[in-house]
C-alpha atoms as a PDB file:
ATOM      1  CA  UNK A   1      37.515   9.383 -14.748  1.00  0.00           C
ATOM      2  CA  UNK A   2      34.564  10.821 -12.677  1.00  0.00           C
ATOM      3  CA  UNK A   3      34.585  13.666 -10.762  1.00  0.00           C
ATOM      4  CA  UNK A   4      32.394  14.906  -7.702  1.00  0.00           C
ATOM      5  CA  UNK A   5      29.561  17.521  -8.510  1.00  0.00           C
ATOM      6  CA  UNK A   6      29.826  20.846  -6.598  1.00  0.00           C
ATOM      7  CA  UNK A   7      26.372  22.726  -6.286  1.00  0.00           C
ATOM      8  CA  UNK A   8      26.941  25.901  -8.303  1.00  0.00           C
ATOM      9  CA  UNK A   9      26.090  29.176  -6.592  1.00  0.00           C
ATOM     10  CA  UNK A  10      22.773  29.299  -8.531  1.00  0.00           C
ATOM     11  CA  UNK A  11      21.530  26.075  -7.390  1.00  0.00           C
ATOM     12  CA  UNK A  12      22.500  26.901  -3.797  1.00  0.00           C
ATOM     13  CA  UNK A  13      20.495  29.893  -3.890  1.00  0.00           C
ATOM     14  CA  UNK A  14      17.277  28.117  -4.523  1.00  0.00           C
ATOM     15  CA  UNK A  15      14.727  26.929  -1.738  1.00  0.00           C
ATOM     16  CA  UNK A  16      16.524  23.748  -0.001  1.00  0.00           C
ATOM     17  CA  UNK A  17      13.787  21.264  -1.166  1.00  0.00           C
ATOM     18  CA  UNK A  18      13.647  22.635  -4.863  1.00  0.00           C
ATOM     19  CA  UNK A  19      17.471  21.309  -5.241  1.00  0.00           C
ATOM     20  CA  UNK A  20      17.935  17.872  -6.543  1.00  0.00           C
ATOM     21  CA  UNK A  21      19.372  16.098  -3.681  1.00  0.00           C
ATOM     22  CA  UNK A  22      16.836  17.531  -0.864  1.00  0.00           C
ATOM     23  CA  UNK A  23      13.903  17.172  -3.264  1.00  0.00           C
ATOM     24  CA  UNK A  24      15.278  13.221  -4.246  1.00  0.00           C
ATOM     25  CA  UNK A  25      15.198  12.676  -0.402  1.00  0.00           C
ATOM     26  CA  UNK A  26      11.590  14.051   0.206  1.00  0.00           C
ATOM     27  CA  UNK A  27      10.660  11.769  -3.099  1.00  0.00           C
ATOM     28  CA  UNK A  28      12.046   8.822  -1.617  1.00  0.00           C
ATOM     29  CA  UNK A  29      10.637   9.692   1.903  1.00  0.00           C
ATOM     30  CA  UNK A  30       6.918  10.064   0.910  1.00  0.00           C
ATOM     31  CA  UNK A  31       6.945   7.453  -2.081  1.00  0.00           C
ATOM     32  CA  UNK A  32       8.125   4.685   0.143  1.00  0.00           C
ATOM     33  CA  UNK A  33       6.085   5.246   2.998  1.00  0.00           C
ATOM     34  CA  UNK A  34       3.081   5.612   0.523  1.00  0.00           C
ATOM     35  CA  UNK A  35       4.281   2.516  -1.376  1.00  0.00           C
ATOM     36  CA  UNK A  36       4.456   0.647   2.282  1.00  0.00           C
ATOM     37  CA  UNK A  37       1.003   2.053   3.010  1.00  0.00           C
ATOM     38  CA  UNK A  38      -0.241   0.486  -0.363  1.00  0.00           C
ATOM     39  CA  UNK A  39       1.219  -2.471   0.021  1.00  0.00           C
ATOM     40  CA  UNK A  40      -0.233  -3.155   3.249  1.00  0.00           C
ATOM     41  CA  UNK A  41      -3.944  -2.409   1.646  1.00  0.00           C
ATOM     42  CA  UNK A  42      -2.820  -4.940  -1.050  1.00  0.00           C
ATOM     43  CA  UNK A  43      -2.117  -7.818   1.323  1.00  0.00           C
ATOM     44  CA  UNK A  44      -5.285  -6.926   3.292  1.00  0.00           C
ATOM     45  CA  UNK A  45      -7.409  -7.161  -0.126  1.00  0.00           C
ATOM     46  CA  UNK A  46      -6.198 -10.138  -0.801  1.00  0.00           C
ATOM     47  CA  UNK A  47      -7.004 -11.652   2.758  1.00  0.00           C
ATOM     48  CA  UNK A  48     -10.185 -10.412   2.109  1.00  0.00           C
ATOM     49  CA  UNK A  49     -10.526 -12.352  -1.182  1.00  0.00           C
ATOM     50  CA  UNK A  50      -9.047 -15.465   0.691  1.00  0.00           C
ATOM     51  CA  UNK A  51     -11.822 -14.775   3.724  1.00  0.00           C
ATOM     52  CA  UNK A  52     -14.368 -12.722   3.399  1.00  0.00           C
ATOM     53  CA  UNK A  53     -14.972 -12.530   7.413  1.00  0.00           C
ATOM     54  CA  UNK A  54     -11.341 -12.024   7.968  1.00  0.00           C
ATOM     55  CA  UNK A  55     -10.578  -9.070  10.982  1.00  0.00           C
ATOM     56  CA  UNK A  56      -7.653  -6.849   9.096  1.00  0.00           C
ATOM     57  CA  UNK A  57      -4.957  -5.214  11.703  1.00  0.00           C
ATOM     58  CA  UNK A  58      -6.417  -1.788  10.625  1.00  0.00           C
ATOM     59  CA  UNK A  59     -10.191  -2.697  11.767  1.00  0.00           C
ATOM     60  CA  UNK A  60     -10.497  -0.622  14.994  1.00  0.00           C
ATOM     61  CA  UNK A  61     -14.060   0.102  14.851  1.00  0.00           C
ATOM     62  CA  UNK A  62     -17.134   1.266  12.872  1.00  0.00           C
ATOM     63  CA  UNK A  63     -15.543   4.328  11.900  1.00  0.00           C
ATOM     64  CA  UNK A  64     -12.219   3.285  11.293  1.00  0.00           C
ATOM     65  CA  UNK A  65     -11.866   0.212   9.322  1.00  0.00           C
ATOM     66  CA  UNK A  66      -9.571  -0.574   6.088  1.00  0.00           C
ATOM     67  CA  UNK A  67     -11.901  -3.662   5.582  1.00  0.00           C
ATOM     68  CA  UNK A  68     -15.254  -1.619   5.207  1.00  0.00           C
ATOM     69  CA  UNK A  69     -13.767   0.641   3.115  1.00  0.00           C
ATOM     70  CA  UNK A  70     -12.791  -2.282   1.031  1.00  0.00           C
ATOM     71  CA  UNK A  71     -16.223  -3.210   0.502  1.00  0.00           C
ATOM     72  CA  UNK A  72     -17.145   0.063  -1.176  1.00  0.00           C
ATOM     73  CA  UNK A  73     -17.395   1.015  -4.735  1.00  0.00           C
ATOM     74  CA  UNK A  74     -15.148   3.560  -4.347  1.00  0.00           C
ATOM     75  CA  UNK A  75     -12.205   1.315  -3.693  1.00  0.00           C
ATOM     76  CA  UNK A  76     -12.065   0.204  -6.865  1.00  0.00           C
ATOM     77  CA  UNK A  77     -12.682   3.250  -8.619  1.00  0.00           C
ATOM     78  CA  UNK A  78     -11.149   2.012 -12.089  1.00  0.00           C
ATOM     79  CA  UNK A  79     -12.571  -1.653 -11.641  1.00  0.00           C
ATOM     80  CA  UNK A  80      -9.576  -2.829  -9.538  1.00  0.00           C
ATOM     81  CA  UNK A  81      -8.570  -2.241  -6.246  1.00  0.00           C
ATOM     82  CA  UNK A  82      -7.273   1.233  -5.642  1.00  0.00           C
ATOM     83  CA  UNK A  83      -4.149   0.143  -3.912  1.00  0.00           C
ATOM     84  CA  UNK A  84      -2.504  -1.588  -7.192  1.00  0.00           C
ATOM     85  CA  UNK A  85      -2.400   2.082  -8.828  1.00  0.00           C
ATOM     86  CA  UNK A  86      -0.210   3.168  -5.610  1.00  0.00           C
ATOM     87  CA  UNK A  87       1.982   0.228  -5.882  1.00  0.00           C
ATOM     88  CA  UNK A  88       2.915   1.139  -9.505  1.00  0.00           C
ATOM     89  CA  UNK A  89       2.735   4.832  -9.487  1.00  0.00           C
ATOM     90  CA  UNK A  90       4.864   5.070  -5.863  1.00  0.00           C
ATOM     91  CA  UNK A  91       7.345   2.955  -7.167  1.00  0.00           C
ATOM     92  CA  UNK A  92       7.628   5.142 -10.306  1.00  0.00           C
ATOM     93  CA  UNK A  93       7.989   8.366  -8.050  1.00  0.00           C
ATOM     94  CA  UNK A  94      10.682   6.187  -5.976  1.00  0.00           C
ATOM     95  CA  UNK A  95      12.506   5.351  -9.170  1.00  0.00           C
ATOM     96  CA  UNK A  96      12.898   9.073 -10.032  1.00  0.00           C
ATOM     97  CA  UNK A  97      14.101  10.038  -6.414  1.00  0.00           C
ATOM     98  CA  UNK A  98      16.770   7.563  -6.776  1.00  0.00           C
ATOM     99  CA  UNK A  99      17.700   8.884 -10.223  1.00  0.00           C
ATOM    100  CA  UNK A 100      17.956  12.207  -8.901  1.00  0.00           C
ATOM    101  CA  UNK A 101      19.931  11.276  -5.752  1.00  0.00           C
ATOM    102  CA  UNK A 102      22.451   9.303  -8.691  1.00  0.00           C
ATOM    103  CA  UNK A 103      23.116  12.639 -10.175  1.00  0.00           C
ATOM    104  CA  UNK A 104      20.350  12.230 -13.089  1.00  0.00           C
ATOM    105  CA  UNK A 105      19.047  15.289 -15.141  1.00  0.00           C
ATOM    106  CA  UNK A 106      15.818  15.291 -16.744  1.00  0.00           C
ATOM    107  CA  UNK A 107      14.528  17.253 -19.419  1.00  0.00           C
ATOM    108  CA  UNK A 108      11.538  19.889 -19.238  1.00  0.00           C
ATOM    109  CA  UNK A 109       9.083  17.867 -20.952  1.00  0.00           C
ATOM    110  CA  UNK A 110       9.870  14.983 -18.172  1.00  0.00           C
ATOM    111  CA  UNK A 111       9.013  17.231 -15.462  1.00  0.00           C
ATOM    112  CA  UNK A 112       6.137  18.032 -16.980  1.00  0.00           C
ATOM    113  CA  UNK A 113       5.069  14.768 -17.232  1.00  0.00           C
ATOM    114  CA  UNK A 114       5.848  14.234 -13.739  1.00  0.00           C
ATOM    115  CA  UNK A 115       3.972  17.162 -12.370  1.00  0.00           C
ATOM    116  CA  UNK A 116       0.891  15.836 -14.476  1.00  0.00           C
ATOM    117  CA  UNK A 117       1.198  12.430 -12.666  1.00  0.00           C
ATOM    118  CA  UNK A 118       1.924  13.686  -9.337  1.00  0.00           C
ATOM    119  CA  UNK A 119      -1.223  16.529  -9.923  1.00  0.00           C
ATOM    120  CA  UNK A 120      -3.497  13.664 -11.069  1.00  0.00           C
ATOM    121  CA  UNK A 121      -2.415  11.576  -8.118  1.00  0.00           C
ATOM    122  CA  UNK A 122      -3.464  14.574  -5.877  1.00  0.00           C
ATOM    123  CA  UNK A 123      -6.759  14.869  -7.487  1.00  0.00           C
ATOM    124  CA  UNK A 124      -7.741  10.948  -7.019  1.00  0.00           C
ATOM    125  CA  UNK A 125      -6.710  11.553  -3.403  1.00  0.00           C
ATOM    126  CA  UNK A 126      -8.852  14.568  -2.814  1.00  0.00           C
ATOM    127  CA  UNK A 127     -11.697  12.647  -4.408  1.00  0.00           C
ATOM    128  CA  UNK A 128     -11.197   9.468  -2.167  1.00  0.00           C
ATOM    129  CA  UNK A 129     -10.915  12.061   1.009  1.00  0.00           C
ATOM    130  CA  UNK A 130     -14.187  13.468  -0.086  1.00  0.00           C
ATOM    131  CA  UNK A 131     -15.555  10.137  -0.489  1.00  0.00           C
ATOM    132  CA  UNK A 132     -14.121   8.660   2.921  1.00  0.00           C
ATOM    133  CA  UNK A 133     -15.746  11.321   4.870  1.00  0.00           C
ATOM    134  CA  UNK A 134     -18.761  12.446   3.151  1.00  0.00           C
ATOM    135  CA  UNK A 135     -20.016   9.523   1.341  1.00  0.00           C
ATOM    136  CA  UNK A 136     -18.792   6.401   3.004  1.00  0.00           C
ATOM    137  CA  UNK A 137     -18.242   8.123   6.457  1.00  0.00           C
ATOM    138  CA  UNK A 138     -15.587   5.417   7.260  1.00  0.00           C
ATOM    139  CA  UNK A 139     -11.837   5.745   7.631  1.00  0.00           C
ATOM    140  CA  UNK A 140      -9.134   4.039   6.420  1.00  0.00           C
ATOM    141  CA  UNK A 141      -5.635   4.147   8.265  1.00  0.00           C
ATOM    142  CA  UNK A 142      -3.636   3.368   5.299  1.00  0.00           C
ATOM    143  CA  UNK A 143      -5.499   5.480   3.052  1.00  0.00           C
ATOM    144  CA  UNK A 144      -4.615   8.222   5.358  1.00  0.00           C
ATOM    145  CA  UNK A 145      -0.887   7.674   5.644  1.00  0.00           C
ATOM    146  CA  UNK A 146      -1.211   8.141   1.826  1.00  0.00           C
ATOM    147  CA  UNK A 147      -3.044  11.563   2.176  1.00  0.00           C
ATOM    148  CA  UNK A 148      -0.338  12.651   4.776  1.00  0.00           C
ATOM    149  CA  UNK A 149       2.454  11.767   2.142  1.00  0.00           C
ATOM    150  CA  UNK A 150       0.798  13.087  -1.148  1.00  0.00           C
ATOM    151  CA  UNK A 151       0.447  16.405   0.572  1.00  0.00           C
ATOM    152  CA  UNK A 152       3.997  17.487   0.542  1.00  0.00           C
ATOM    153  CA  UNK A 153       4.611  15.279  -2.390  1.00  0.00           C
ATOM    154  CA  UNK A 154       2.374  17.539  -4.549  1.00  0.00           C
ATOM    155  CA  UNK A 155       3.421  20.825  -2.970  1.00  0.00           C
ATOM    156  CA  UNK A 156       6.999  20.509  -3.163  1.00  0.00           C
ATOM    157  CA  UNK A 157       7.019  19.083  -6.768  1.00  0.00           C
ATOM    158  CA  UNK A 158       4.673  21.874  -7.924  1.00  0.00           C
ATOM    159  CA  UNK A 159       7.391  24.517  -6.014  1.00  0.00           C
ATOM    160  CA  UNK A 160      10.489  22.948  -7.465  1.00  0.00           C
ATOM    161  CA  UNK A 161       8.733  22.937 -11.093  1.00  0.00           C
ATOM    162  CA  UNK A 162       7.951  26.574 -10.516  1.00  0.00           C
ATOM    163  CA  UNK A 163      11.426  27.558  -9.170  1.00  0.00           C
ATOM    164  CA  UNK A 164      13.055  25.777 -12.261  1.00  0.00           C
ATOM    165  CA  UNK A 165      10.905  27.170 -14.681  1.00  0.00           C
ATOM    166  CA  UNK A 166       9.259  23.882 -16.051  1.00  0.00           C
ATOM    167  CA  UNK A 167       5.958  25.853 -15.176  1.00  0.00           C
ATOM    168  CA  UNK A 168       5.703  29.416 -16.316  1.00  0.00           C
ATOM    169  CA  UNK A 169       4.756  32.042 -13.001  1.00  0.00           C
ATOM    170  CA  UNK A 170       5.229  35.440 -11.957  1.00  0.00           C
ATOM    171  CA  UNK A 171       8.509  35.817  -9.919  1.00  0.00           C
ATOM    172  CA  UNK A 172       6.558  37.039  -7.007  1.00  0.00           C
ATOM    173  CA  UNK A 173       4.425  34.105  -6.831  1.00  0.00           C
ATOM    174  CA  UNK A 174       7.440  31.592  -7.347  1.00  0.00           C
ATOM    175  CA  UNK A 175       9.173  33.662  -3.855  1.00  0.00           C
ATOM    176  CA  UNK A 176       6.053  33.482  -2.010  1.00  0.00           C
ATOM    177  CA  UNK A 177       5.289  29.473  -2.716  1.00  0.00           C
ATOM    178  CA  UNK A 178       8.686  28.553  -2.181  1.00  0.00           C
ATOM    179  CA  UNK A 179       9.302  30.207   1.086  1.00  0.00           C
ATOM    180  CA  UNK A 180       5.969  29.314   2.485  1.00  0.00           C
ATOM    181  CA  UNK A 181       6.010  25.546   0.987  1.00  0.00           C
ATOM    182  CA  UNK A 182       6.147  24.053   4.598  1.00  0.00           C
ATOM    183  CA  UNK A 183       3.263  26.567   5.644  1.00  0.00           C
ATOM    184  CA  UNK A 184       1.356  25.874   3.325  1.00  0.00           C
ATOM    185  CA  UNK A 185       1.605  21.874   4.057  1.00  0.00           C
ATOM    186  CA  UNK A 186       0.685  22.531   7.538  1.00  0.00           C
ATOM    187  CA  UNK A 187      -2.411  24.501   6.848  1.00  0.00           C
ATOM    188  CA  UNK A 188      -3.534  21.593   4.217  1.00  0.00           C
ATOM    189  CA  UNK A 189      -2.720  18.937   7.198  1.00  0.00           C
ATOM    190  CA  UNK A 190      -4.726  20.967   9.675  1.00  0.00           C
ATOM    191  CA  UNK A 191      -7.664  21.546   7.156  1.00  0.00           C
ATOM    192  CA  UNK A 192      -7.660  17.671   6.804  1.00  0.00           C
ATOM    193  CA  UNK A 193      -7.755  16.851  10.679  1.00  0.00           C
ATOM    194  CA  UNK A 194     -10.434  19.624  11.000  1.00  0.00           C
ATOM    195  CA  UNK A 195     -12.358  18.144   8.066  1.00  0.00           C
ATOM    196  CA  UNK A 196     -12.269  14.833  10.141  1.00  0.00           C
ATOM    197  CA  UNK A 197     -13.235  16.229  13.318  1.00  0.00           C
ATOM    198  CA  UNK A 198     -16.298  18.254  12.223  1.00  0.00           C
ATOM    199  CA  UNK A 199     -17.615  15.492   9.985  1.00  0.00           C
ATOM    200  CA  UNK A 200     -17.677  13.203  12.874  1.00  0.00           C
ATOM    201  CA  UNK A 201     -17.985  15.865  15.790  1.00  0.00           C
ATOM    202  CA  UNK A 202     -21.122  14.061  17.372  1.00  0.00           C
ATOM    203  CA  UNK A 203     -18.831  11.070  17.871  1.00  0.00           C
ATOM    204  CA  UNK A 204     -16.602  13.201  19.521  1.00  0.00           C
ATOM    205  CA  UNK A 205     -18.813  15.021  21.579  1.00  0.00           C
ATOM    206  CA  UNK A 206     -20.671  11.499  22.696  1.00  0.00           C
ATOM    207  CA  UNK A 207     -17.204   9.896  23.537  1.00  0.00           C
ATOM    208  CA  UNK A 208     -16.240  13.111  25.663  1.00  0.00           C
ATOM    209  CA  UNK A 209     -19.849  13.406  27.344  1.00  0.00           C
END
């Protein structure tokens, strides 16, 4: 005979997105959107395999073009197209979100592994961001969707693990980060937008001249 779970006062005192249900919803949204973006890139990559001269739906101009980015070696950092990594990894994040939503409880070692995985994903995304802006100098719309999803996924996973003691940290730091989580995410979004603007400022100025 199953009984409904009533959140404890200790759990309800935690910041909203560090509680199991809200955090699960965050995982589901960010992983699902990222999975769709990765799947779109996989389909575009397969289309290019079939027809090297194909014009993709995300090819807008010389600056914003998934196809042009896919021609670069950075698009296959491990010897195969990067989106395949996204398909697998975001699928795994989605499963974790569904499990939490169903009431699953994971051990500390599991959350440590999850944190390592999400952190490595964030590092990889930062590398791709740098390569796109300062090496390739071409933007991929679907890639930017993944960038946008990885930021809250990484920030709230880290804060969640700090609040639950998975990552040891001073209480003051934990309180500050958990109180300013969305502000930190907003600042990171602004930094990404600013980096794109200032990297291509000549094009923006020329278009408005």
